[in-house]
Amino acid sequence: MTSKVLLRLAGVLGAALLSATVAAVPAQAALDSGQPVNTQLRGYSSTGAETQVGRMTGTIRFDNGNSLFRLDVTVERQSSYVDSKVRIDVNGSSHEYVYQSGVIARDFPYGGTVHNVQLTLEGLYYDGATNTTKTVTRSAFYDNPFN
């Protein structure tokens, strides 16, 4: 009789532990359908010649919990001498720098409510007419549709 009671008690405790584990998993926030990201960097020499320096294309998506956003972009280094730099500002304050060309596909959590994001692409090119290197940047703003 003691083994039956212990067996039932173990079963009840196991079921309680399983239900507590399942309930502890946080719900994942839903992302919006995304806003297009399409930034082309162009540099101009002193003689007016255009150089395509870098490009960033893809999407930015915001979560309905207002605490993160997701970037799925490709950063191309066209005529830049170094990898392009992507500066990410959230709500007007610097959040992160990403120094790379190629694919950026990840979530960017934020410690507060994300109202808007500014993405700035920066590249470096050579002006052969003046024998100098020049930096060019271009920014775009993206509003969070959930607030």
N, C-alpha and C. Protein backbone atom coordinates (compact mmCIF):
# COMPACT_ATOMS: atom_id res chain seq x y z
N MET A 1 0.82 -1.19 0.00
CA MET A 1 0.00 0.00 0.00
C MET A 1 0.86 1.25 0.00
N THR A 2 1.97 1.24 0.65
CA THR A 2 2.85 2.38 0.67
C THR A 2 3.42 2.67 -0.72
N SER A 3 3.75 1.64 -1.48
CA SER A 3 4.30 1.85 -2.82
C SER A 3 3.26 2.46 -3.75
N LYS A 4 1.96 2.11 -3.58
CA LYS A 4 0.91 2.71 -4.41
C LYS A 4 0.78 4.20 -4.11
N VAL A 5 0.86 4.58 -2.87
CA VAL A 5 0.76 5.97 -2.48
C VAL A 5 1.95 6.76 -3.03
N LEU A 6 3.13 6.19 -2.90
CA LEU A 6 4.33 6.85 -3.41
C LEU A 6 4.27 6.98 -4.93
N LEU A 7 3.77 5.97 -5.60
CA LEU A 7 3.65 6.01 -7.06
C LEU A 7 2.66 7.09 -7.49
N ARG A 8 1.53 7.18 -6.80
CA ARG A 8 0.56 8.24 -7.11
C ARG A 8 1.15 9.63 -6.83
N LEU A 9 1.81 9.76 -5.72
CA LEU A 9 2.43 11.03 -5.37
C LEU A 9 3.48 11.44 -6.41
N ALA A 10 4.27 10.49 -6.87
CA ALA A 10 5.27 10.77 -7.91
C ALA A 10 4.58 11.20 -9.20
N GLY A 11 3.48 10.57 -9.54
CA GLY A 11 2.74 10.94 -10.75
C GLY A 11 2.17 12.34 -10.65
N VAL A 12 1.59 12.68 -9.49
CA VAL A 12 1.03 14.01 -9.30
C VAL A 12 2.13 15.07 -9.34
N LEU A 13 3.25 14.80 -8.68
CA LEU A 13 4.36 15.75 -8.70
C LEU A 13 4.94 15.90 -10.11
N GLY A 14 5.05 14.83 -10.84
CA GLY A 14 5.54 14.88 -12.22
C GLY A 14 4.62 15.70 -13.11
N ALA A 15 3.31 15.53 -12.98
CA ALA A 15 2.35 16.31 -13.77
C ALA A 15 2.42 17.78 -13.40
N ALA A 16 2.56 18.08 -12.11
CA ALA A 16 2.66 19.47 -11.68
C ALA A 16 3.93 20.12 -12.21
N LEU A 17 5.03 19.37 -12.18
CA LEU A 17 6.29 19.89 -12.69
C LEU A 17 6.20 20.14 -14.20
N LEU A 18 5.59 19.25 -14.93
CA LEU A 18 5.43 19.41 -16.38
C LEU A 18 4.56 20.62 -16.70
N SER A 19 3.45 20.79 -15.99
CA SER A 19 2.59 21.94 -16.28
C SER A 19 3.27 23.26 -15.91
N ALA A 20 4.07 23.28 -14.86
CA ALA A 20 4.79 24.50 -14.48
C ALA A 20 5.85 24.84 -15.52
N THR A 21 6.50 23.83 -16.09
CA THR A 21 7.51 24.05 -17.11
C THR A 21 6.88 24.60 -18.37
N VAL A 22 5.77 24.06 -18.79
CA VAL A 22 5.08 24.52 -20.00
C VAL A 22 4.58 25.95 -19.81
N ALA A 23 4.06 26.27 -18.65
CA ALA A 23 3.52 27.60 -18.38
C ALA A 23 4.64 28.64 -18.30
N ALA A 24 5.86 28.23 -17.97
CA ALA A 24 6.95 29.18 -17.79
C ALA A 24 7.55 29.66 -19.11
N VAL A 25 7.24 29.02 -20.22
CA VAL A 25 7.77 29.44 -21.51
C VAL A 25 7.09 30.74 -21.93
N PRO A 26 7.86 31.81 -22.14
CA PRO A 26 7.24 33.09 -22.51
C PRO A 26 6.70 33.05 -23.93
N ALA A 27 5.64 33.79 -24.14
CA ALA A 27 5.07 33.89 -25.48
C ALA A 27 5.99 34.74 -26.35
N GLN A 28 6.14 34.33 -27.61
CA GLN A 28 6.98 35.09 -28.52
C GLN A 28 6.18 36.22 -29.14
N ALA A 29 6.79 37.37 -29.19
CA ALA A 29 6.13 38.53 -29.78
C ALA A 29 6.01 38.33 -31.29
N ALA A 30 4.97 38.88 -31.85
CA ALA A 30 4.76 38.79 -33.29
C ALA A 30 5.42 39.97 -33.98
N LEU A 31 6.04 39.71 -35.12
CA LEU A 31 6.67 40.76 -35.91
C LEU A 31 5.73 41.24 -36.99
N ASP A 32 5.84 42.53 -37.32
CA ASP A 32 5.03 43.07 -38.42
C ASP A 32 5.57 42.53 -39.75
N SER A 33 4.90 42.88 -40.84
CA SER A 33 5.28 42.35 -42.15
C SER A 33 6.57 42.97 -42.67
N GLY A 34 7.00 44.07 -42.11
CA GLY A 34 8.29 44.65 -42.47
C GLY A 34 8.19 45.89 -43.34
N GLN A 35 9.19 46.72 -43.20
CA GLN A 35 9.32 47.93 -44.02
C GLN A 35 10.58 47.76 -44.87
N PRO A 36 10.53 48.14 -46.13
CA PRO A 36 11.70 47.97 -46.98
C PRO A 36 12.85 48.90 -46.58
N VAL A 37 14.05 48.37 -46.65
CA VAL A 37 15.28 49.13 -46.44
C VAL A 37 15.99 49.15 -47.79
N ASN A 38 16.28 50.34 -48.29
CA ASN A 38 16.96 50.46 -49.58
C ASN A 38 17.78 51.75 -49.56
N THR A 39 19.04 51.62 -49.22
CA THR A 39 19.93 52.77 -49.09
C THR A 39 21.11 52.59 -50.04
N GLN A 40 21.33 53.56 -50.90
CA GLN A 40 22.47 53.56 -51.82
C GLN A 40 23.40 54.70 -51.46
N LEU A 41 24.67 54.39 -51.22
CA LEU A 41 25.67 55.42 -50.96
C LEU A 41 26.34 55.82 -52.27
N ARG A 42 26.39 57.12 -52.49
CA ARG A 42 27.07 57.66 -53.67
C ARG A 42 28.06 58.73 -53.24
N GLY A 43 29.23 58.66 -53.79
CA GLY A 43 30.22 59.71 -53.56
C GLY A 43 30.47 60.44 -54.86
N TYR A 44 30.84 61.69 -54.76
CA TYR A 44 31.10 62.51 -55.94
C TYR A 44 32.48 63.13 -55.83
N SER A 45 33.25 63.02 -56.90
CA SER A 45 34.59 63.61 -56.91
C SER A 45 34.47 65.11 -57.13
N SER A 46 35.59 65.78 -57.00
CA SER A 46 35.62 67.23 -57.20
C SER A 46 35.28 67.59 -58.65
N THR A 47 35.40 66.62 -59.57
CA THR A 47 35.05 66.88 -60.97
C THR A 47 33.61 66.47 -61.29
N GLY A 48 32.90 65.93 -60.29
CA GLY A 48 31.51 65.55 -60.47
C GLY A 48 31.28 64.09 -60.83
N ALA A 49 32.34 63.32 -60.93
CA ALA A 49 32.19 61.89 -61.24
C ALA A 49 31.55 61.17 -60.05
N GLU A 50 30.58 60.32 -60.33
CA GLU A 50 29.87 59.58 -59.29
C GLU A 50 30.53 58.23 -59.04
N THR A 51 30.63 57.87 -57.77
CA THR A 51 31.12 56.56 -57.35
C THR A 51 30.06 55.92 -56.48
N GLN A 52 29.62 54.72 -56.84
CA GLN A 52 28.71 53.99 -55.97
C GLN A 52 29.56 53.30 -54.91
N VAL A 53 29.35 53.73 -53.67
CA VAL A 53 30.22 53.33 -52.58
C VAL A 53 29.72 52.08 -51.86
N GLY A 54 28.42 52.01 -51.59
CA GLY A 54 27.86 50.87 -50.87
C GLY A 54 26.35 50.89 -50.95
N ARG A 55 25.76 49.76 -50.58
CA ARG A 55 24.30 49.64 -50.66
C ARG A 55 23.81 48.72 -49.54
N MET A 56 22.63 49.04 -49.02
CA MET A 56 21.99 48.19 -48.01
C MET A 56 20.53 47.98 -48.44
N THR A 57 20.13 46.72 -48.59
CA THR A 57 18.76 46.40 -48.99
C THR A 57 18.22 45.27 -48.11
N GLY A 58 16.92 45.28 -47.91
CA GLY A 58 16.27 44.24 -47.13
C GLY A 58 15.04 44.77 -46.43
N THR A 59 14.82 44.32 -45.19
CA THR A 59 13.66 44.76 -44.42
C THR A 59 14.03 44.97 -42.95
N ILE A 60 13.22 45.82 -42.32
CA ILE A 60 13.26 45.98 -40.86
C ILE A 60 11.86 45.65 -40.38
N ARG A 61 11.79 44.84 -39.31
CA ARG A 61 10.50 44.43 -38.76
C ARG A 61 10.49 44.72 -37.27
N PHE A 62 9.35 45.20 -36.77
CA PHE A 62 9.19 45.52 -35.36
C PHE A 62 8.29 44.49 -34.70
N ASP A 63 8.55 44.22 -33.41
CA ASP A 63 7.68 43.30 -32.67
C ASP A 63 6.55 44.07 -32.00
N ASN A 64 5.42 43.38 -31.81
CA ASN A 64 4.26 44.05 -31.22
C ASN A 64 4.42 44.29 -29.72
N GLY A 65 5.48 43.76 -29.13
CA GLY A 65 5.77 44.04 -27.73
C GLY A 65 6.59 45.31 -27.55
N ASN A 66 6.99 45.94 -28.67
CA ASN A 66 7.73 47.20 -28.67
C ASN A 66 9.11 47.12 -28.02
N SER A 67 9.69 45.92 -27.90
CA SER A 67 10.96 45.81 -27.20
C SER A 67 12.12 45.34 -28.07
N LEU A 68 11.86 45.08 -29.35
CA LEU A 68 12.94 44.70 -30.24
C LEU A 68 12.53 44.94 -31.68
N PHE A 69 13.52 44.88 -32.56
CA PHE A 69 13.27 44.93 -33.99
C PHE A 69 14.21 43.94 -34.64
N ARG A 70 13.88 43.55 -35.84
CA ARG A 70 14.68 42.57 -36.58
C ARG A 70 15.14 43.18 -37.89
N LEU A 71 16.43 43.04 -38.15
CA LEU A 71 16.99 43.47 -39.43
C LEU A 71 17.29 42.23 -40.26
N ASP A 72 16.84 42.24 -41.48
CA ASP A 72 17.19 41.24 -42.48
C ASP A 72 17.65 42.02 -43.70
N VAL A 73 18.94 42.37 -43.72
CA VAL A 73 19.47 43.21 -44.78
C VAL A 73 20.77 42.62 -45.33
N THR A 74 21.06 43.00 -46.56
CA THR A 74 22.34 42.70 -47.18
C THR A 74 23.08 44.01 -47.36
N VAL A 75 24.31 44.07 -46.88
CA VAL A 75 25.14 45.26 -46.99
C VAL A 75 26.23 44.95 -48.02
N GLU A 76 26.23 45.72 -49.09
CA GLU A 76 27.22 45.52 -50.15
C GLU A 76 28.29 46.59 -50.08
N ARG A 77 29.51 46.16 -50.17
CA ARG A 77 30.63 47.08 -50.32
C ARG A 77 30.90 47.18 -51.81
N GLN A 78 30.56 48.32 -52.40
CA GLN A 78 30.71 48.47 -53.84
C GLN A 78 32.10 49.03 -54.16
N SER A 79 32.30 50.31 -54.03
CA SER A 79 33.62 50.89 -54.28
C SER A 79 34.28 51.37 -53.01
N SER A 80 33.77 50.96 -51.88
CA SER A 80 34.36 51.36 -50.62
C SER A 80 35.63 50.56 -50.37
N TYR A 81 36.61 51.19 -49.74
CA TYR A 81 37.87 50.52 -49.45
C TYR A 81 37.83 49.69 -48.18
N VAL A 82 36.82 49.88 -47.40
CA VAL A 82 36.65 49.12 -46.16
C VAL A 82 35.21 48.63 -46.10
N ASP A 83 34.95 47.67 -45.24
CA ASP A 83 33.56 47.22 -45.05
C ASP A 83 32.70 48.40 -44.64
N SER A 84 31.48 48.37 -45.13
CA SER A 84 30.54 49.43 -44.76
C SER A 84 30.20 49.31 -43.28
N LYS A 85 29.85 50.44 -42.69
CA LYS A 85 29.47 50.48 -41.27
C LYS A 85 28.00 50.85 -41.20
N VAL A 86 27.25 50.10 -40.42
CA VAL A 86 25.84 50.41 -40.20
C VAL A 86 25.71 50.88 -38.75
N ARG A 87 25.26 52.11 -38.59
CA ARG A 87 25.00 52.65 -37.24
C ARG A 87 23.50 52.56 -37.00
N ILE A 88 23.14 52.05 -35.85
CA ILE A 88 21.73 51.88 -35.49
C ILE A 88 21.43 52.78 -34.30
N ASP A 89 20.50 53.71 -34.52
CA ASP A 89 20.04 54.58 -33.44
C ASP A 89 18.59 54.23 -33.14
N VAL A 90 18.26 54.12 -31.87
CA VAL A 90 16.90 53.83 -31.44
C VAL A 90 16.41 55.03 -30.64
N ASN A 91 15.26 55.55 -31.02
CA ASN A 91 14.65 56.69 -30.34
C ASN A 91 15.61 57.88 -30.24
N GLY A 92 16.46 58.06 -31.24
CA GLY A 92 17.37 59.19 -31.29
C GLY A 92 18.68 59.00 -30.55
N SER A 93 18.90 57.83 -29.95
CA SER A 93 20.15 57.57 -29.23
C SER A 93 20.89 56.41 -29.87
N SER A 94 22.21 56.49 -29.83
CA SER A 94 23.04 55.44 -30.41
C SER A 94 22.76 54.11 -29.71
N HIS A 95 22.58 53.06 -30.51
CA HIS A 95 22.28 51.74 -29.95
C HIS A 95 23.39 50.74 -30.25
N GLU A 96 23.83 50.67 -31.52
CA GLU A 96 24.83 49.67 -31.89
C GLU A 96 25.45 50.03 -33.23
N TYR A 97 26.70 49.58 -33.41
CA TYR A 97 27.39 49.68 -34.69
C TYR A 97 27.64 48.28 -35.21
N VAL A 98 27.43 48.07 -36.50
CA VAL A 98 27.72 46.79 -37.13
C VAL A 98 28.72 47.08 -38.24
N TYR A 99 29.92 46.52 -38.12
CA TYR A 99 30.97 46.73 -39.11
C TYR A 99 31.07 45.48 -39.97
N GLN A 100 30.35 45.44 -41.05
CA GLN A 100 30.46 44.29 -41.93
C GLN A 100 29.73 44.53 -43.23
N SER A 101 30.23 43.87 -44.24
CA SER A 101 29.48 43.74 -45.47
C SER A 101 28.95 42.31 -45.48
N GLY A 102 27.87 42.09 -46.20
CA GLY A 102 27.25 40.77 -46.22
C GLY A 102 25.87 40.85 -45.58
N VAL A 103 25.43 39.74 -45.03
CA VAL A 103 24.07 39.63 -44.51
C VAL A 103 24.05 39.93 -43.01
N ILE A 104 23.12 40.77 -42.63
CA ILE A 104 22.80 40.99 -41.21
C ILE A 104 21.38 40.48 -41.04
N ALA A 105 21.22 39.41 -40.31
CA ALA A 105 19.90 38.81 -40.10
C ALA A 105 19.78 38.43 -38.63
N ARG A 106 19.30 39.38 -37.82
CA ARG A 106 19.17 39.09 -36.39
C ARG A 106 18.26 40.08 -35.71
N ASP A 107 17.87 39.70 -34.50
CA ASP A 107 17.05 40.55 -33.66
C ASP A 107 17.95 41.52 -32.89
N PHE A 108 17.44 42.72 -32.66
CA PHE A 108 18.12 43.72 -31.86
C PHE A 108 17.21 44.08 -30.70
N PRO A 109 17.42 43.48 -29.52
CA PRO A 109 16.59 43.82 -28.37
C PRO A 109 16.93 45.21 -27.85
N TYR A 110 15.95 45.81 -27.21
CA TYR A 110 16.12 47.15 -26.66
C TYR A 110 15.53 47.17 -25.26
N GLY A 111 16.16 47.90 -24.36
CA GLY A 111 15.76 47.92 -22.96
C GLY A 111 14.58 48.82 -22.64
N GLY A 112 13.85 49.26 -23.62
CA GLY A 112 12.69 50.12 -23.41
C GLY A 112 11.75 49.97 -24.59
N THR A 113 10.89 50.94 -24.77
CA THR A 113 9.94 50.92 -25.89
C THR A 113 10.62 51.47 -27.14
N VAL A 114 10.58 50.71 -28.22
CA VAL A 114 11.15 51.15 -29.49
C VAL A 114 10.09 51.98 -30.22
N HIS A 115 10.35 53.28 -30.35
CA HIS A 115 9.44 54.15 -31.10
C HIS A 115 9.86 54.26 -32.56
N ASN A 116 11.17 54.41 -32.77
CA ASN A 116 11.67 54.51 -34.14
C ASN A 116 13.14 54.09 -34.18
N VAL A 117 13.58 53.76 -35.39
CA VAL A 117 14.96 53.33 -35.61
C VAL A 117 15.52 54.14 -36.78
N GLN A 118 16.72 54.60 -36.63
CA GLN A 118 17.44 55.25 -37.72
C GLN A 118 18.61 54.35 -38.10
N LEU A 119 18.69 54.00 -39.38
CA LEU A 119 19.80 53.21 -39.90
C LEU A 119 20.67 54.13 -40.75
N THR A 120 21.96 54.17 -40.43
CA THR A 120 22.90 55.00 -41.17
C THR A 120 23.97 54.09 -41.77
N LEU A 121 24.12 54.18 -43.08
CA LEU A 121 25.14 53.42 -43.79
C LEU A 121 26.30 54.36 -44.08
N GLU A 122 27.52 53.90 -43.80
CA GLU A 122 28.71 54.71 -44.01
C GLU A 122 29.73 53.93 -44.81
N GLY A 123 30.35 54.61 -45.78
CA GLY A 123 31.39 53.99 -46.58
C GLY A 123 32.50 54.98 -46.87
N LEU A 124 33.62 54.46 -47.34
CA LEU A 124 34.81 55.26 -47.62
C LEU A 124 35.19 55.05 -49.07
N TYR A 125 35.43 56.14 -49.80
CA TYR A 125 35.84 56.01 -51.20
C TYR A 125 37.00 56.96 -51.49
N TYR A 126 37.61 56.74 -52.63
CA TYR A 126 38.79 57.50 -53.03
C TYR A 126 38.42 58.46 -54.16
N ASP A 127 38.72 59.73 -53.96
CA ASP A 127 38.52 60.74 -54.99
C ASP A 127 39.84 60.89 -55.74
N GLY A 128 39.91 60.26 -56.89
CA GLY A 128 41.14 60.29 -57.68
C GLY A 128 41.51 61.68 -58.16
N ALA A 129 40.53 62.56 -58.31
CA ALA A 129 40.82 63.91 -58.79
C ALA A 129 41.62 64.72 -57.77
N THR A 130 41.39 64.46 -56.49
CA THR A 130 42.10 65.21 -55.45
C THR A 130 43.04 64.32 -54.63
N ASN A 131 43.11 63.03 -54.98
CA ASN A 131 43.95 62.06 -54.27
C ASN A 131 43.65 62.01 -52.77
N THR A 132 42.37 62.05 -52.43
CA THR A 132 41.97 61.98 -51.03
C THR A 132 40.89 60.92 -50.84
N THR A 133 40.81 60.40 -49.63
CA THR A 133 39.70 59.51 -49.29
C THR A 133 38.60 60.35 -48.68
N LYS A 134 37.39 59.94 -48.93
CA LYS A 134 36.23 60.67 -48.41
C LYS A 134 35.26 59.67 -47.80
N THR A 135 34.57 60.14 -46.78
CA THR A 135 33.53 59.34 -46.13
C THR A 135 32.18 59.87 -46.56
N VAL A 136 31.27 58.95 -46.84
CA VAL A 136 29.92 59.35 -47.22
C VAL A 136 28.95 58.54 -46.35
N THR A 137 27.88 59.19 -45.89
CA THR A 137 26.87 58.52 -45.08
C THR A 137 25.48 58.85 -45.62
N ARG A 138 24.57 57.95 -45.33
CA ARG A 138 23.16 58.19 -45.68
C ARG A 138 22.31 57.49 -44.64
N SER A 139 21.26 58.19 -44.18
CA SER A 139 20.40 57.67 -43.12
C SER A 139 18.95 57.58 -43.57
N ALA A 140 18.22 56.69 -42.92
CA ALA A 140 16.78 56.58 -43.13
C ALA A 140 16.13 56.25 -41.79
N PHE A 141 14.91 56.78 -41.58
CA PHE A 141 14.15 56.55 -40.35
C PHE A 141 13.04 55.53 -40.61
N TYR A 142 12.77 54.72 -39.59
CA TYR A 142 11.71 53.72 -39.67
C TYR A 142 10.89 53.81 -38.38
N ASP A 143 9.61 54.07 -38.52
CA ASP A 143 8.72 54.18 -37.36
C ASP A 143 8.15 52.83 -36.99
N ASN A 144 8.02 52.58 -35.71
CA ASN A 144 7.42 51.36 -35.19
C ASN A 144 5.90 51.47 -35.38
N PRO A 145 5.27 50.58 -36.15
CA PRO A 145 3.84 50.70 -36.39
C PRO A 145 2.97 50.31 -35.19
N PHE A 146 3.58 49.76 -34.14
CA PHE A 146 2.79 49.31 -33.00
C PHE A 146 2.63 50.37 -31.92
N ASN A 147 3.20 51.56 -32.11
CA ASN A 147 3.00 52.62 -31.10
C ASN A 147 2.91 53.97 -31.76
